[in-house]
């Protein structure tokens, strides 16, 4: 399917693996519904910048989930790991992240992508809020958690916070205040 520029959607419940470069430069691809896929090869969706909706409920290793600036909705499965979270820095439009309660590594609470135990903050959904308060249980804000969150003005961190990773607030151009709550 390399360079199939007219391809707009993929829908399968039978394919279990998508190989390297499989949909490379499918520039009009906007929806991937591949709920039987357990693995994705390197650059399988490179150049597919129009993808806005992805559902990969069986995916286990998530390093190559096609994260784009136009991605608005992402659904992953109960076995999906946290490998994709550093790529979320490219997802400046992500408003909906669906993770089943059975997922062993991740959960979403109040627009925050957290480790299952709630101690690591991986990502904040871009829902337009100007002030965000991080829950008490969080001890670590991971790389790119707030990256490119343009409308964010204020962040309230709990007293429990121990680590703020490199680039956690990369290009938050509107950010005025970070408060550690006692």
C-alpha atoms as a PDB file:
ATOM      1  CA  UNK A   1       0.000   0.000   0.000  1.00  0.00           C
ATOM      2  CA  UNK A   2       3.099   2.204  -0.109  1.00  0.00           C
ATOM      3  CA  UNK A   3       2.192   5.615  -1.596  1.00  0.00           C
ATOM      4  CA  UNK A   4      -1.533   4.822  -2.065  1.00  0.00           C
ATOM      5  CA  UNK A   5      -2.421   8.499  -1.884  1.00  0.00           C
ATOM      6  CA  UNK A   6      -6.176   7.988  -2.340  1.00  0.00           C
ATOM      7  CA  UNK A   7      -6.555   5.472   0.500  1.00  0.00           C
ATOM      8  CA  UNK A   8      -8.743   7.039   3.219  1.00  0.00           C
ATOM      9  CA  UNK A   9      -9.441   4.262   5.731  1.00  0.00           C
ATOM     10  CA  UNK A  10      -8.322   0.865   6.942  1.00  0.00           C
ATOM     11  CA  UNK A  11     -10.745  -1.476   8.654  1.00  0.00           C
ATOM     12  CA  UNK A  12      -9.858  -5.023   9.604  1.00  0.00           C
ATOM     13  CA  UNK A  13     -10.600  -7.488  12.354  1.00  0.00           C
ATOM     14  CA  UNK A  14      -8.387 -10.240  10.915  1.00  0.00           C
ATOM     15  CA  UNK A  15      -4.915  -8.833  10.226  1.00  0.00           C
ATOM     16  CA  UNK A  16      -2.577  -9.343  13.198  1.00  0.00           C
ATOM     17  CA  UNK A  17       0.580  -7.562  12.003  1.00  0.00           C
ATOM     18  CA  UNK A  18       1.305  -4.476   9.903  1.00  0.00           C
ATOM     19  CA  UNK A  19       4.818  -4.525   8.457  1.00  0.00           C
ATOM     20  CA  UNK A  20       7.415  -1.802   8.029  1.00  0.00           C
ATOM     21  CA  UNK A  21       6.429   0.915   5.527  1.00  0.00           C
ATOM     22  CA  UNK A  22       3.115  -0.867   4.792  1.00  0.00           C
ATOM     23  CA  UNK A  23       1.108   2.359   4.474  1.00  0.00           C
ATOM     24  CA  UNK A  24       4.008   4.755   3.920  1.00  0.00           C
ATOM     25  CA  UNK A  25       2.921   8.058   2.346  1.00  0.00           C
ATOM     26  CA  UNK A  26      -0.783   7.196   2.193  1.00  0.00           C
ATOM     27  CA  UNK A  27      -1.372  10.915   2.546  1.00  0.00           C
ATOM     28  CA  UNK A  28      -5.205  10.825   2.640  1.00  0.00           C
ATOM     29  CA  UNK A  29      -5.452   8.049   5.228  1.00  0.00           C
ATOM     30  CA  UNK A  30      -7.606   9.401   8.075  1.00  0.00           C
ATOM     31  CA  UNK A  31      -8.955   6.348   9.922  1.00  0.00           C
ATOM     32  CA  UNK A  32      -7.289   3.134  11.105  1.00  0.00           C
ATOM     33  CA  UNK A  33      -9.637   0.543  12.658  1.00  0.00           C
ATOM     34  CA  UNK A  34      -7.414  -2.513  13.069  1.00  0.00           C
ATOM     35  CA  UNK A  35      -8.593  -4.141  16.266  1.00  0.00           C
ATOM     36  CA  UNK A  36      -6.885  -7.493  15.634  1.00  0.00           C
ATOM     37  CA  UNK A  37      -3.406  -6.019  15.045  1.00  0.00           C
ATOM     38  CA  UNK A  38      -0.917  -6.974  17.771  1.00  0.00           C
ATOM     39  CA  UNK A  39       2.222  -5.410  16.215  1.00  0.00           C
ATOM     40  CA  UNK A  40       3.144  -2.542  13.889  1.00  0.00           C
ATOM     41  CA  UNK A  41       6.448  -2.259  12.038  1.00  0.00           C
ATOM     42  CA  UNK A  42       8.737   0.739  11.931  1.00  0.00           C
ATOM     43  CA  UNK A  43       7.462   3.608   9.749  1.00  0.00           C
ATOM     44  CA  UNK A  44       4.346   1.628   8.788  1.00  0.00           C
ATOM     45  CA  UNK A  45       2.363   4.882   8.721  1.00  0.00           C
ATOM     46  CA  UNK A  46       5.148   7.396   8.008  1.00  0.00           C
ATOM     47  CA  UNK A  47       3.853  10.294   5.924  1.00  0.00           C
ATOM     48  CA  UNK A  48       0.212   9.626   6.871  1.00  0.00           C
ATOM     49  CA  UNK A  49      -0.342  13.030   8.451  1.00  0.00           C
ATOM     50  CA  UNK A  50      -4.139  13.095   8.093  1.00  0.00           C
ATOM     51  CA  UNK A  51      -4.935  10.241  10.514  1.00  0.00           C
ATOM     52  CA  UNK A  52      -7.495  11.522  13.032  1.00  0.00           C
ATOM     53  CA  UNK A  53      -8.975   8.284  14.413  1.00  0.00           C
ATOM     54  CA  UNK A  54      -7.120   5.120  15.457  1.00  0.00           C
ATOM     55  CA  UNK A  55      -8.440   1.968  17.115  1.00  0.00           C
ATOM     56  CA  UNK A  56      -5.921  -0.787  17.926  1.00  0.00           C
ATOM     57  CA  UNK A  57      -7.556  -2.827  20.683  1.00  0.00           C
ATOM     58  CA  UNK A  58      -5.270  -5.877  20.407  1.00  0.00           C
ATOM     59  CA  UNK A  59      -1.967  -4.008  20.125  1.00  0.00           C
ATOM     60  CA  UNK A  60       0.700  -5.099  22.603  1.00  0.00           C
ATOM     61  CA  UNK A  61       3.916  -3.269  21.676  1.00  0.00           C
ATOM     62  CA  UNK A  62       2.896   0.280  20.909  1.00  0.00           C
ATOM     63  CA  UNK A  63       6.098   2.032  19.889  1.00  0.00           C
ATOM     64  CA  UNK A  64       4.936   2.543  16.293  1.00  0.00           C
ATOM     65  CA  UNK A  65       1.363   3.748  16.759  1.00  0.00           C
ATOM     66  CA  UNK A  66       0.914   6.411  14.063  1.00  0.00           C
ATOM     67  CA  UNK A  67       0.739   9.590  16.147  1.00  0.00           C
ATOM     68  CA  UNK A  68       0.063  12.706  14.054  1.00  0.00           C
ATOM     69  CA  UNK A  69      -0.837  16.337  14.710  1.00  0.00           C
ATOM     70  CA  UNK A  70      -4.345  15.657  13.362  1.00  0.00           C
ATOM     71  CA  UNK A  71      -4.983  12.672  15.688  1.00  0.00           C
ATOM     72  CA  UNK A  72      -8.118  13.380  17.749  1.00  0.00           C
ATOM     73  CA  UNK A  73      -9.121   9.936  19.012  1.00  0.00           C
ATOM     74  CA  UNK A  74      -7.024   6.920  20.015  1.00  0.00           C
ATOM     75  CA  UNK A  75      -8.330   3.580  21.312  1.00  0.00           C
ATOM     76  CA  UNK A  76      -5.902   0.950  22.578  1.00  0.00           C
ATOM     77  CA  UNK A  77      -6.381  -2.416  24.236  1.00  0.00           C
ATOM     78  CA  UNK A  78      -5.909  -4.079  27.568  1.00  0.00           C
ATOM     79  CA  UNK A  79      -2.426  -5.367  26.704  1.00  0.00           C
ATOM     80  CA  UNK A  80      -1.021  -2.205  25.100  1.00  0.00           C
ATOM     81  CA  UNK A  81       2.132  -1.019  26.847  1.00  0.00           C
ATOM     82  CA  UNK A  82       3.351   2.540  27.486  1.00  0.00           C
ATOM     83  CA  UNK A  83       5.821   2.499  24.572  1.00  0.00           C
ATOM     84  CA  UNK A  84       3.882   5.054  22.543  1.00  0.00           C
ATOM     85  CA  UNK A  85       3.599   7.799  25.150  1.00  0.00           C
ATOM     86  CA  UNK A  86       6.735   9.716  24.159  1.00  0.00           C
ATOM     87  CA  UNK A  87       5.300   9.992  20.633  1.00  0.00           C
ATOM     88  CA  UNK A  88       2.226  11.783  21.968  1.00  0.00           C
ATOM     89  CA  UNK A  89       4.186  15.016  21.761  1.00  0.00           C
ATOM     90  CA  UNK A  90       3.093  15.052  18.100  1.00  0.00           C
ATOM     91  CA  UNK A  91      -0.587  14.651  19.033  1.00  0.00           C
ATOM     92  CA  UNK A  92      -1.410  18.315  19.538  1.00  0.00           C
ATOM     93  CA  UNK A  93      -5.109  17.667  18.746  1.00  0.00           C
ATOM     94  CA  UNK A  94      -5.681  14.520  20.849  1.00  0.00           C
ATOM     95  CA  UNK A  95      -8.927  14.973  22.782  1.00  0.00           C
ATOM     96  CA  UNK A  96     -10.036  11.384  23.349  1.00  0.00           C
ATOM     97  CA  UNK A  97      -7.966   8.471  24.622  1.00  0.00           C
ATOM     98  CA  UNK A  98      -9.817   5.215  25.263  1.00  0.00           C
ATOM     99  CA  UNK A  99      -8.104   2.620  27.430  1.00  0.00           C
ATOM    100  CA  UNK A 100     -10.011  -0.315  28.926  1.00  0.00           C
ATOM    101  CA  UNK A 101     -10.002  -0.745  32.698  1.00  0.00           C
ATOM    102  CA  UNK A 102      -8.319  -4.120  32.171  1.00  0.00           C
ATOM    103  CA  UNK A 103      -5.159  -2.468  30.766  1.00  0.00           C
ATOM    104  CA  UNK A 104      -2.249  -3.550  32.938  1.00  0.00           C
ATOM    105  CA  UNK A 105      -0.027  -0.480  32.412  1.00  0.00           C
ATOM    106  CA  UNK A 106      -2.148   2.612  31.814  1.00  0.00           C
ATOM    107  CA  UNK A 107      -5.319   4.452  32.744  1.00  0.00           C
ATOM    108  CA  UNK A 108      -7.010   7.739  31.885  1.00  0.00           C
ATOM    109  CA  UNK A 109      -8.501   9.876  34.652  1.00  0.00           C
ATOM    110  CA  UNK A 110      -9.930  13.355  34.109  1.00  0.00           C
ATOM    111  CA  UNK A 111      -8.030  13.833  30.864  1.00  0.00           C
ATOM    112  CA  UNK A 112      -4.709  12.606  32.278  1.00  0.00           C
ATOM    113  CA  UNK A 113      -2.857   9.549  30.960  1.00  0.00           C
ATOM    114  CA  UNK A 114      -1.371   7.907  34.050  1.00  0.00           C
ATOM    115  CA  UNK A 115       0.477   4.754  34.983  1.00  0.00           C
ATOM    116  CA  UNK A 116      -1.912   2.124  36.307  1.00  0.00           C
ATOM    117  CA  UNK A 117      -0.866   2.902  39.900  1.00  0.00           C
ATOM    118  CA  UNK A 118      -1.368   6.635  39.291  1.00  0.00           C
ATOM    119  CA  UNK A 119       2.176   7.673  40.215  1.00  0.00           C
ATOM    120  CA  UNK A 120       3.390   8.694  36.723  1.00  0.00           C
ATOM    121  CA  UNK A 121       1.786  11.348  34.529  1.00  0.00           C
ATOM    122  CA  UNK A 122       2.478  10.513  30.886  1.00  0.00           C
ATOM    123  CA  UNK A 123       0.243  12.915  28.956  1.00  0.00           C
ATOM    124  CA  UNK A 124      -2.470  15.529  29.325  1.00  0.00           C
ATOM    125  CA  UNK A 125      -5.259  15.448  26.742  1.00  0.00           C
ATOM    126  CA  UNK A 126      -5.561  18.669  24.756  1.00  0.00           C
ATOM    127  CA  UNK A 127      -9.096  19.686  25.725  1.00  0.00           C
ATOM    128  CA  UNK A 128      -8.483  23.440  25.834  1.00  0.00           C
ATOM    129  CA  UNK A 129      -8.330  23.840  29.605  1.00  0.00           C
ATOM    130  CA  UNK A 130      -6.217  26.714  30.864  1.00  0.00           C
ATOM    131  CA  UNK A 131      -5.589  25.340  34.370  1.00  0.00           C
ATOM    132  CA  UNK A 132      -4.756  21.761  35.305  1.00  0.00           C
ATOM    133  CA  UNK A 133      -4.360  20.277  38.783  1.00  0.00           C
ATOM    134  CA  UNK A 134      -2.390  17.045  39.034  1.00  0.00           C
ATOM    135  CA  UNK A 135      -3.647  14.416  41.542  1.00  0.00           C
ATOM    136  CA  UNK A 136      -1.885  13.884  44.887  1.00  0.00           C
ATOM    137  CA  UNK A 137      -0.670  10.384  44.043  1.00  0.00           C
ATOM    138  CA  UNK A 138       1.504  11.554  41.105  1.00  0.00           C
ATOM    139  CA  UNK A 139       5.224  11.612  41.908  1.00  0.00           C
ATOM    140  CA  UNK A 140       6.586  11.952  38.349  1.00  0.00           C
ATOM    141  CA  UNK A 141       5.720  14.095  35.318  1.00  0.00           C
ATOM    142  CA  UNK A 142       7.178  12.227  32.337  1.00  0.00           C
ATOM    143  CA  UNK A 143       8.848  13.563  29.173  1.00  0.00           C
ATOM    144  CA  UNK A 144       6.549  15.624  26.936  1.00  0.00           C
ATOM    145  CA  UNK A 145       3.524  15.234  29.252  1.00  0.00           C
ATOM    146  CA  UNK A 146       2.425  18.819  28.572  1.00  0.00           C
ATOM    147  CA  UNK A 147       4.465  19.466  25.407  1.00  0.00           C
ATOM    148  CA  UNK A 148       2.886  21.913  22.959  1.00  0.00           C
ATOM    149  CA  UNK A 149      -0.180  22.508  25.153  1.00  0.00           C
ATOM    150  CA  UNK A 150      -0.688  26.015  23.787  1.00  0.00           C
ATOM    151  CA  UNK A 151      -3.777  27.090  25.799  1.00  0.00           C
ATOM    152  CA  UNK A 152      -2.361  26.034  29.172  1.00  0.00           C
ATOM    153  CA  UNK A 153      -1.797  28.960  31.559  1.00  0.00           C
ATOM    154  CA  UNK A 154      -1.388  27.304  34.975  1.00  0.00           C
ATOM    155  CA  UNK A 155      -0.385  23.907  36.381  1.00  0.00           C
ATOM    156  CA  UNK A 156      -0.891  22.888  40.001  1.00  0.00           C
ATOM    157  CA  UNK A 157       1.425  20.082  41.099  1.00  0.00           C
ATOM    158  CA  UNK A 158       0.937  18.037  44.279  1.00  0.00           C
ATOM    159  CA  UNK A 159       3.382  18.139  47.178  1.00  0.00           C
ATOM    160  CA  UNK A 160       4.156  14.485  46.361  1.00  0.00           C
ATOM    161  CA  UNK A 161       5.898  15.446  43.087  1.00  0.00           C
ATOM    162  CA  UNK A 162       9.529  14.277  42.995  1.00  0.00           C
ATOM    163  CA  UNK A 163      10.500  14.388  39.325  1.00  0.00           C
ATOM    164  CA  UNK A 164       9.719  16.594  36.335  1.00  0.00           C
ATOM    165  CA  UNK A 165      11.342  15.003  33.290  1.00  0.00           C
ATOM    166  CA  UNK A 166      13.183  16.751  30.505  1.00  0.00           C
ATOM    167  CA  UNK A 167      10.861  18.565  28.066  1.00  0.00           C
ATOM    168  CA  UNK A 168       7.777  17.892  30.190  1.00  0.00           C
ATOM    169  CA  UNK A 169       6.606  21.436  29.377  1.00  0.00           C
ATOM    170  CA  UNK A 170       8.231  21.801  25.939  1.00  0.00           C
ATOM    171  CA  UNK A 171       6.731  24.688  23.912  1.00  0.00           C
ATOM    172  CA  UNK A 172       3.949  25.514  26.375  1.00  0.00           C
ATOM    173  CA  UNK A 173       4.107  29.078  25.094  1.00  0.00           C
ATOM    174  CA  UNK A 174       1.122  30.344  27.109  1.00  0.00           C
ATOM    175  CA  UNK A 175       2.188  28.851  30.448  1.00  0.00           C
ATOM    176  CA  UNK A 176       2.426  31.559  33.115  1.00  0.00           C
ATOM    177  CA  UNK A 177       2.511  29.659  36.407  1.00  0.00           C
ATOM    178  CA  UNK A 178       3.515  26.295  37.911  1.00  0.00           C
ATOM    179  CA  UNK A 179       2.467  25.895  41.551  1.00  0.00           C
ATOM    180  CA  UNK A 180       3.456  23.132  43.938  1.00  0.00           C
ATOM    181  CA  UNK A 181       0.499  22.695  46.281  1.00  0.00           C
ATOM    182  CA  UNK A 182       1.235  22.082  49.956  1.00  0.00           C
END
